[in-house]
Amino acid sequence: MASPPPSTAPARLVVLVSGSGTNLQALLDAIGDDPEGFGAQIVAVGADRSGIAGLERAERAGLPTFVCRVKDHATREEWDAALAAATAGYRPDLVVSAGFMKIVGKEFLARFGGRFINTHPALLPSFPGAHGVRDALAYGVKVTGCTVHFVDDGVDTGPIIAQGVVEVTEEDTAEGEAALHERIKEIERKLLVEAVGRLARDGYRIEGRKVHLGHVGE
């Protein structure tokens, strides 16, 4: 699976959020007033709930927003189809989960498989799921970190784009999990910005589980 060849126009990004939107802000700051230089522009921000800081960040940046709440739909499948349709309306080249806390379904992946990017606060394939930081600490690892990956139909099982390492110190305990998580988030924001920029500027190919940046063989 390969991305379209790079063009002179910036790639179109739809960013999905569920909370404070710090990863969204990192992308906004990196793109700034030079989407051509970064290689991408955010064309819309979507959320699974209203009244969150992430949407406020988008509105301050003058970006279109949309909200697609699970409880407004009769089934999870109907919500997934509505989210896919709302996202598709902005014709994205890439979709970025920036702290989006819902698992998408078949319809969304049918439209955006191989183009939907997520972050995870552990070094996948170790410690997938909702408690990656806690699970890594409990296991006693000496290093942990974060992963930027494409989303597939598993739980944190998609092809890995990039990873960043964070040392676990003696001060990192189960009670102090939040401090470790904050250090991971700092690396995560930088890694996400770098990965999205490179995917947008250089293109990529997915061969099995491997992601090759740039148009190899073209």
C-alpha atoms as a PDB file:
ATOM      1  CA  MET A   1       0.000   0.000   0.000  1.00  0.00           C
ATOM      2  CA  ALA A   2       1.436   3.366  -0.981  1.00  0.00           C
ATOM      3  CA  SER A   3       0.500   6.984  -0.557  1.00  0.00           C
ATOM      4  CA  PRO A   4      -0.106   9.284  -3.526  1.00  0.00           C
ATOM      5  CA  PRO A   5       3.031  10.930  -4.957  1.00  0.00           C
ATOM      6  CA  PRO A   6       3.991  14.157  -3.202  1.00  0.00           C
ATOM      7  CA  SER A   7       2.509  17.258  -4.802  1.00  0.00           C
ATOM      8  CA  THR A   8       3.122  20.965  -4.450  1.00  0.00           C
ATOM      9  CA  ALA A   9      -0.115  21.347  -2.477  1.00  0.00           C
ATOM     10  CA  PRO A  10       0.078  20.638   1.275  1.00  0.00           C
ATOM     11  CA  ALA A  11      -1.513  17.376   2.380  1.00  0.00           C
ATOM     12  CA  ARG A  12      -4.956  17.801   3.906  1.00  0.00           C
ATOM     13  CA  LEU A  13      -5.206  16.705   7.564  1.00  0.00           C
ATOM     14  CA  VAL A  14      -8.292  16.018   9.639  1.00  0.00           C
ATOM     15  CA  VAL A  15      -7.373  15.779  13.325  1.00  0.00           C
ATOM     16  CA  LEU A  16      -9.593  13.925  15.830  1.00  0.00           C
ATOM     17  CA  VAL A  17      -9.529  14.856  19.529  1.00  0.00           C
ATOM     18  CA  SER A  18     -11.266  13.887  22.763  1.00  0.00           C
ATOM     19  CA  GLY A  19      -9.683  16.136  25.377  1.00  0.00           C
ATOM     20  CA  SER A  20      -7.162  18.907  25.886  1.00  0.00           C
ATOM     21  CA  GLY A  21      -5.748  18.795  22.351  1.00  0.00           C
ATOM     22  CA  THR A  22      -2.062  19.218  23.201  1.00  0.00           C
ATOM     23  CA  ASN A  23      -1.043  17.037  20.255  1.00  0.00           C
ATOM     24  CA  LEU A  24      -3.313  19.133  18.036  1.00  0.00           C
ATOM     25  CA  GLN A  25      -1.608  22.258  19.352  1.00  0.00           C
ATOM     26  CA  ALA A  26       1.814  20.795  18.598  1.00  0.00           C
ATOM     27  CA  LEU A  27       0.740  20.280  14.986  1.00  0.00           C
ATOM     28  CA  LEU A  28      -0.748  23.768  14.775  1.00  0.00           C
ATOM     29  CA  ASP A  29       2.460  25.290  16.124  1.00  0.00           C
ATOM     30  CA  ALA A  30       4.646  23.264  13.745  1.00  0.00           C
ATOM     31  CA  ILE A  31       2.573  24.166  10.683  1.00  0.00           C
ATOM     32  CA  GLY A  32       2.210  27.813  11.695  1.00  0.00           C
ATOM     33  CA  ASP A  33       1.892  30.124   8.710  1.00  0.00           C
ATOM     34  CA  ASP A  34       3.875  27.834   6.423  1.00  0.00           C
ATOM     35  CA  PRO A  35       1.824  24.756   5.485  1.00  0.00           C
ATOM     36  CA  GLU A  36       3.796  24.478   2.236  1.00  0.00           C
ATOM     37  CA  GLY A  37       7.036  24.220   4.167  1.00  0.00           C
ATOM     38  CA  PHE A  38       5.631  21.691   6.640  1.00  0.00           C
ATOM     39  CA  GLY A  39       3.925  19.791   3.839  1.00  0.00           C
ATOM     40  CA  ALA A  40       0.454  19.668   5.379  1.00  0.00           C
ATOM     41  CA  GLN A  41      -2.423  21.804   6.574  1.00  0.00           C
ATOM     42  CA  ILE A  42      -5.177  20.996   9.047  1.00  0.00           C
ATOM     43  CA  VAL A  43      -8.506  21.387   7.265  1.00  0.00           C
ATOM     44  CA  ALA A  44     -10.822  20.344  10.134  1.00  0.00           C
ATOM     45  CA  VAL A  45     -10.890  19.051  13.700  1.00  0.00           C
ATOM     46  CA  GLY A  46     -13.419  16.456  14.841  1.00  0.00           C
ATOM     47  CA  ALA A  47     -14.342  15.234  18.305  1.00  0.00           C
ATOM     48  CA  ASP A  48     -16.460  12.609  20.038  1.00  0.00           C
ATOM     49  CA  ARG A  49     -17.742  15.129  22.595  1.00  0.00           C
ATOM     50  CA  SER A  50     -18.473  18.838  22.801  1.00  0.00           C
ATOM     51  CA  GLY A  51     -17.133  21.435  25.206  1.00  0.00           C
ATOM     52  CA  ILE A  52     -13.526  20.236  25.227  1.00  0.00           C
ATOM     53  CA  ALA A  53     -10.324  22.246  25.102  1.00  0.00           C
ATOM     54  CA  GLY A  54      -9.241  20.567  21.879  1.00  0.00           C
ATOM     55  CA  LEU A  55     -12.204  22.068  20.022  1.00  0.00           C
ATOM     56  CA  GLU A  56     -11.496  25.462  21.583  1.00  0.00           C
ATOM     57  CA  ARG A  57      -7.932  25.297  20.250  1.00  0.00           C
ATOM     58  CA  ALA A  58      -9.296  24.532  16.774  1.00  0.00           C
ATOM     59  CA  GLU A  59     -11.797  27.379  16.913  1.00  0.00           C
ATOM     60  CA  ARG A  60      -9.111  29.848  18.028  1.00  0.00           C
ATOM     61  CA  ALA A  61      -7.089  28.747  15.011  1.00  0.00           C
ATOM     62  CA  GLY A  62     -10.069  29.446  12.749  1.00  0.00           C
ATOM     63  CA  LEU A  63     -10.560  25.801  11.785  1.00  0.00           C
ATOM     64  CA  PRO A  64     -13.865  24.091  10.988  1.00  0.00           C
ATOM     65  CA  THR A  65     -14.952  21.619  13.682  1.00  0.00           C
ATOM     66  CA  PHE A  66     -17.457  18.799  13.964  1.00  0.00           C
ATOM     67  CA  VAL A  67     -18.701  16.618  16.823  1.00  0.00           C
ATOM     68  CA  CYS A  68     -19.864  13.044  16.420  1.00  0.00           C
ATOM     69  CA  ARG A  69     -21.084  11.574  19.722  1.00  0.00           C
ATOM     70  CA  VAL A  70     -21.669   7.860  20.199  1.00  0.00           C
ATOM     71  CA  LYS A  71     -24.796   8.482  22.287  1.00  0.00           C
ATOM     72  CA  ASP A  72     -26.449  10.322  19.395  1.00  0.00           C
ATOM     73  CA  HIS A  73     -26.579   7.119  17.332  1.00  0.00           C
ATOM     74  CA  ALA A  74     -28.579   3.948  17.790  1.00  0.00           C
ATOM     75  CA  THR A  75     -25.588   1.643  17.336  1.00  0.00           C
ATOM     76  CA  ARG A  76     -21.825   1.854  17.406  1.00  0.00           C
ATOM     77  CA  GLU A  77     -21.841   0.954  13.703  1.00  0.00           C
ATOM     78  CA  GLU A  78     -24.066   3.934  12.891  1.00  0.00           C
ATOM     79  CA  TRP A  79     -21.742   6.215  14.866  1.00  0.00           C
ATOM     80  CA  ASP A  80     -18.738   4.838  13.002  1.00  0.00           C
ATOM     81  CA  ALA A  81     -20.410   5.449   9.647  1.00  0.00           C
ATOM     82  CA  ALA A  82     -21.374   8.995  10.676  1.00  0.00           C
ATOM     83  CA  LEU A  83     -17.814   9.736  11.846  1.00  0.00           C
ATOM     84  CA  ALA A  84     -16.442   8.380   8.570  1.00  0.00           C
ATOM     85  CA  ALA A  85     -18.855  10.505   6.540  1.00  0.00           C
ATOM     86  CA  ALA A  86     -18.123  13.666   8.525  1.00  0.00           C
ATOM     87  CA  THR A  87     -14.384  13.140   8.180  1.00  0.00           C
ATOM     88  CA  ALA A  88     -14.620  12.310   4.477  1.00  0.00           C
ATOM     89  CA  GLY A  89     -16.462  15.574   3.883  1.00  0.00           C
ATOM     90  CA  TYR A  90     -13.146  17.420   4.305  1.00  0.00           C
ATOM     91  CA  ARG A  91     -11.328  15.206   1.762  1.00  0.00           C
ATOM     92  CA  PRO A  92      -8.332  14.387   3.999  1.00  0.00           C
ATOM     93  CA  ASP A  93      -5.121  12.845   2.730  1.00  0.00           C
ATOM     94  CA  LEU A  94      -4.292  11.807   6.301  1.00  0.00           C
ATOM     95  CA  VAL A  95      -6.377  11.514   9.469  1.00  0.00           C
ATOM     96  CA  VAL A  96      -4.605  12.020  12.803  1.00  0.00           C
ATOM     97  CA  SER A  97      -5.875  10.695  16.119  1.00  0.00           C
ATOM     98  CA  ALA A  98      -4.561  13.312  18.559  1.00  0.00           C
ATOM     99  CA  GLY A  99      -5.788  11.800  21.799  1.00  0.00           C
ATOM    100  CA  PHE A 100      -9.023  10.522  20.235  1.00  0.00           C
ATOM    101  CA  MET A 101     -10.338   8.042  22.792  1.00  0.00           C
ATOM    102  CA  LYS A 102     -12.754   6.018  20.690  1.00  0.00           C
ATOM    103  CA  ILE A 103     -12.037   2.869  18.686  1.00  0.00           C
ATOM    104  CA  VAL A 104     -13.214   3.275  15.105  1.00  0.00           C
ATOM    105  CA  GLY A 105     -14.927   0.499  13.208  1.00  0.00           C
ATOM    106  CA  LYS A 106     -15.086  -1.146   9.817  1.00  0.00           C
ATOM    107  CA  GLU A 107     -16.618   1.740   7.864  1.00  0.00           C
ATOM    108  CA  PHE A 108     -14.029   4.247   9.062  1.00  0.00           C
ATOM    109  CA  LEU A 109     -11.132   1.892   8.348  1.00  0.00           C
ATOM    110  CA  ALA A 110     -12.575   1.021   4.936  1.00  0.00           C
ATOM    111  CA  ARG A 111     -12.315   4.691   4.008  1.00  0.00           C
ATOM    112  CA  PHE A 112      -9.124   5.643   5.809  1.00  0.00           C
ATOM    113  CA  GLY A 113      -7.118   2.456   6.336  1.00  0.00           C
ATOM    114  CA  GLY A 114      -3.449   3.141   5.664  1.00  0.00           C
ATOM    115  CA  ARG A 115      -4.066   6.868   6.220  1.00  0.00           C
ATOM    116  CA  PHE A 116      -5.198   6.962   9.875  1.00  0.00           C
ATOM    117  CA  ILE A 117      -2.382   7.785  12.332  1.00  0.00           C
ATOM    118  CA  ASN A 118      -2.427   7.218  16.096  1.00  0.00           C
ATOM    119  CA  THR A 119      -0.028   7.567  19.031  1.00  0.00           C
ATOM    120  CA  HIS A 120       0.448   5.193  21.954  1.00  0.00           C
ATOM    121  CA  PRO A 121       2.385   5.827  25.215  1.00  0.00           C
ATOM    122  CA  ALA A 122       4.522   2.685  25.086  1.00  0.00           C
ATOM    123  CA  LEU A 123       6.932   0.933  22.758  1.00  0.00           C
ATOM    124  CA  LEU A 124       4.620  -1.296  20.759  1.00  0.00           C
ATOM    125  CA  PRO A 125       4.082  -4.186  20.417  1.00  0.00           C
ATOM    126  CA  SER A 126       4.702  -4.156  24.193  1.00  0.00           C
ATOM    127  CA  PHE A 127       1.946  -2.855  26.469  1.00  0.00           C
ATOM    128  CA  PRO A 128      -0.925  -2.119  24.081  1.00  0.00           C
ATOM    129  CA  GLY A 129      -4.297  -0.913  25.299  1.00  0.00           C
ATOM    130  CA  ALA A 130      -5.535   1.861  27.538  1.00  0.00           C
ATOM    131  CA  HIS A 131      -2.939   1.482  30.317  1.00  0.00           C
ATOM    132  CA  GLY A 132       0.382   1.360  28.495  1.00  0.00           C
ATOM    133  CA  VAL A 133       2.252   3.540  30.999  1.00  0.00           C
ATOM    134  CA  ARG A 134       0.930   1.700  34.055  1.00  0.00           C
ATOM    135  CA  ASP A 135       1.549  -1.708  32.517  1.00  0.00           C
ATOM    136  CA  ALA A 136       5.134  -0.850  31.575  1.00  0.00           C
ATOM    137  CA  LEU A 137       5.862   0.354  35.105  1.00  0.00           C
ATOM    138  CA  ALA A 138       4.307  -2.748  36.637  1.00  0.00           C
ATOM    139  CA  TYR A 139       6.445  -4.962  34.400  1.00  0.00           C
ATOM    140  CA  GLY A 140       9.612  -3.269  35.616  1.00  0.00           C
ATOM    141  CA  VAL A 141      10.991  -2.059  32.287  1.00  0.00           C
ATOM    142  CA  LYS A 142      14.038   0.215  32.306  1.00  0.00           C
ATOM    143  CA  VAL A 143      12.979   2.084  29.176  1.00  0.00           C
ATOM    144  CA  THR A 144       9.567   2.840  27.748  1.00  0.00           C
ATOM    145  CA  GLY A 145       8.405   5.500  25.309  1.00  0.00           C
ATOM    146  CA  CYS A 146       5.842   6.174  22.638  1.00  0.00           C
ATOM    147  CA  THR A 147       4.848   4.897  19.223  1.00  0.00           C
ATOM    148  CA  VAL A 148       3.312   6.577  16.189  1.00  0.00           C
ATOM    149  CA  HIS A 149       1.521   3.974  14.082  1.00  0.00           C
ATOM    150  CA  PHE A 150      -1.153   3.432  11.494  1.00  0.00           C
ATOM    151  CA  VAL A 151      -4.466   2.158  12.837  1.00  0.00           C
ATOM    152  CA  ASP A 152      -5.775  -1.230  11.770  1.00  0.00           C
ATOM    153  CA  ASP A 153      -8.629  -3.361  13.110  1.00  0.00           C
ATOM    154  CA  GLY A 154      -6.669  -4.524  16.165  1.00  0.00           C
ATOM    155  CA  VAL A 155      -5.832  -2.742  19.417  1.00  0.00           C
ATOM    156  CA  ASP A 156      -2.580  -0.832  18.823  1.00  0.00           C
ATOM    157  CA  THR A 157      -1.475  -3.433  16.277  1.00  0.00           C
ATOM    158  CA  GLY A 158      -1.038  -1.348  13.107  1.00  0.00           C
ATOM    159  CA  PRO A 159       2.262  -0.811  11.252  1.00  0.00           C
ATOM    160  CA  ILE A 160       4.744   1.304  13.202  1.00  0.00           C
ATOM    161  CA  ILE A 161       5.829   4.639  11.729  1.00  0.00           C
ATOM    162  CA  ALA A 162       8.176   5.934  14.444  1.00  0.00           C
ATOM    163  CA  GLN A 163       9.136   5.362  18.075  1.00  0.00           C
ATOM    164  CA  GLY A 164      10.748   7.435  20.820  1.00  0.00           C
ATOM    165  CA  VAL A 165      12.437   6.153  23.965  1.00  0.00           C
ATOM    166  CA  VAL A 166      12.009   7.455  27.529  1.00  0.00           C
ATOM    167  CA  GLU A 167      14.118   6.201  30.427  1.00  0.00           C
ATOM    168  CA  VAL A 168      12.352   4.839  33.498  1.00  0.00           C
ATOM    169  CA  THR A 169      14.072   6.099  36.656  1.00  0.00           C
ATOM    170  CA  GLU A 170      14.066   4.885  40.249  1.00  0.00           C
ATOM    171  CA  GLU A 171      11.686   7.735  41.076  1.00  0.00           C
ATOM    172  CA  ASP A 172       9.067   6.371  38.668  1.00  0.00           C
ATOM    173  CA  THR A 173       6.608   4.366  40.750  1.00  0.00           C
ATOM    174  CA  ALA A 174       2.998   3.346  40.357  1.00  0.00           C
ATOM    175  CA  GLU A 175       2.074   6.311  42.551  1.00  0.00           C
ATOM    176  CA  GLY A 176       4.113   8.622  40.341  1.00  0.00           C
ATOM    177  CA  GLU A 177       2.854   7.271  37.017  1.00  0.00           C
ATOM    178  CA  ALA A 178       1.652  10.721  35.961  1.00  0.00           C
ATOM    179  CA  ALA A 179       5.184  12.161  35.963  1.00  0.00           C
ATOM    180  CA  LEU A 180       6.436   9.428  33.642  1.00  0.00           C
ATOM    181  CA  HIS A 181       3.403   9.880  31.422  1.00  0.00           C
ATOM    182  CA  GLU A 182       4.166  13.602  31.110  1.00  0.00           C
ATOM    183  CA  ARG A 183       7.730  12.863  29.988  1.00  0.00           C
ATOM    184  CA  ILE A 184       6.359  10.434  27.430  1.00  0.00           C
ATOM    185  CA  LYS A 185       3.868  13.032  26.185  1.00  0.00           C
ATOM    186  CA  GLU A 186       6.677  15.526  25.559  1.00  0.00           C
ATOM    187  CA  ILE A 187       8.419  13.028  23.284  1.00  0.00           C
ATOM    188  CA  GLU A 188       5.107  11.957  21.760  1.00  0.00           C
ATOM    189  CA  ARG A 189       4.244  15.465  20.580  1.00  0.00           C
ATOM    190  CA  LYS A 190       7.611  15.919  18.888  1.00  0.00           C
ATOM    191  CA  LEU A 191       7.472  12.452  17.330  1.00  0.00           C
ATOM    192  CA  LEU A 192       3.949  12.950  15.980  1.00  0.00           C
ATOM    193  CA  VAL A 193       4.848  16.293  14.392  1.00  0.00           C
ATOM    194  CA  GLU A 194       7.953  14.839  12.773  1.00  0.00           C
ATOM    195  CA  ALA A 195       6.146  11.723  11.521  1.00  0.00           C
ATOM    196  CA  VAL A 196       3.177  13.591  10.054  1.00  0.00           C
ATOM    197  CA  GLY A 197       5.471  16.069   8.333  1.00  0.00           C
ATOM    198  CA  ARG A 198       7.604  13.363   6.772  1.00  0.00           C
ATOM    199  CA  LEU A 199       4.601  11.310   5.643  1.00  0.00           C
ATOM    200  CA  ALA A 200       3.062  14.393   4.056  1.00  0.00           C
ATOM    201  CA  ARG A 201       6.228  15.734   2.417  1.00  0.00           C
ATOM    202  CA  ASP A 202       7.910  12.535   1.319  1.00  0.00           C
ATOM    203  CA  GLY A 203       5.072  10.043   0.890  1.00  0.00           C
ATOM    204  CA  TYR A 204       5.278   6.485   2.191  1.00  0.00           C
ATOM    205  CA  ARG A 205       4.733   2.840   1.408  1.00  0.00           C
ATOM    206  CA  ILE A 206       3.305   0.153   3.670  1.00  0.00           C
ATOM    207  CA  GLU A 207       4.662  -3.305   2.913  1.00  0.00           C
ATOM    208  CA  GLY A 208       3.306  -5.848   5.358  1.00  0.00           C
ATOM    209  CA  ARG A 209       4.187  -4.479   8.777  1.00  0.00           C
ATOM    210  CA  LYS A 210       6.859  -2.081   7.553  1.00  0.00           C
ATOM    211  CA  VAL A 211       6.383   1.585   6.757  1.00  0.00           C
ATOM    212  CA  HIS A 212       8.874   3.004   4.262  1.00  0.00           C
ATOM    213  CA  LEU A 213       9.086   6.789   4.155  1.00  0.00           C
ATOM    214  CA  GLY A 214       9.606   8.212   0.683  1.00  0.00           C
ATOM    215  CA  HIS A 215       8.514   6.628  -2.553  1.00  0.00           C
ATOM    216  CA  VAL A 216      10.833   3.656  -2.629  1.00  0.00           C
ATOM    217  CA  GLY A 217      11.392   2.321  -6.112  1.00  0.00           C
ATOM    218  CA  GLU A 218       9.603   5.179  -7.885  1.00  0.00           C
END
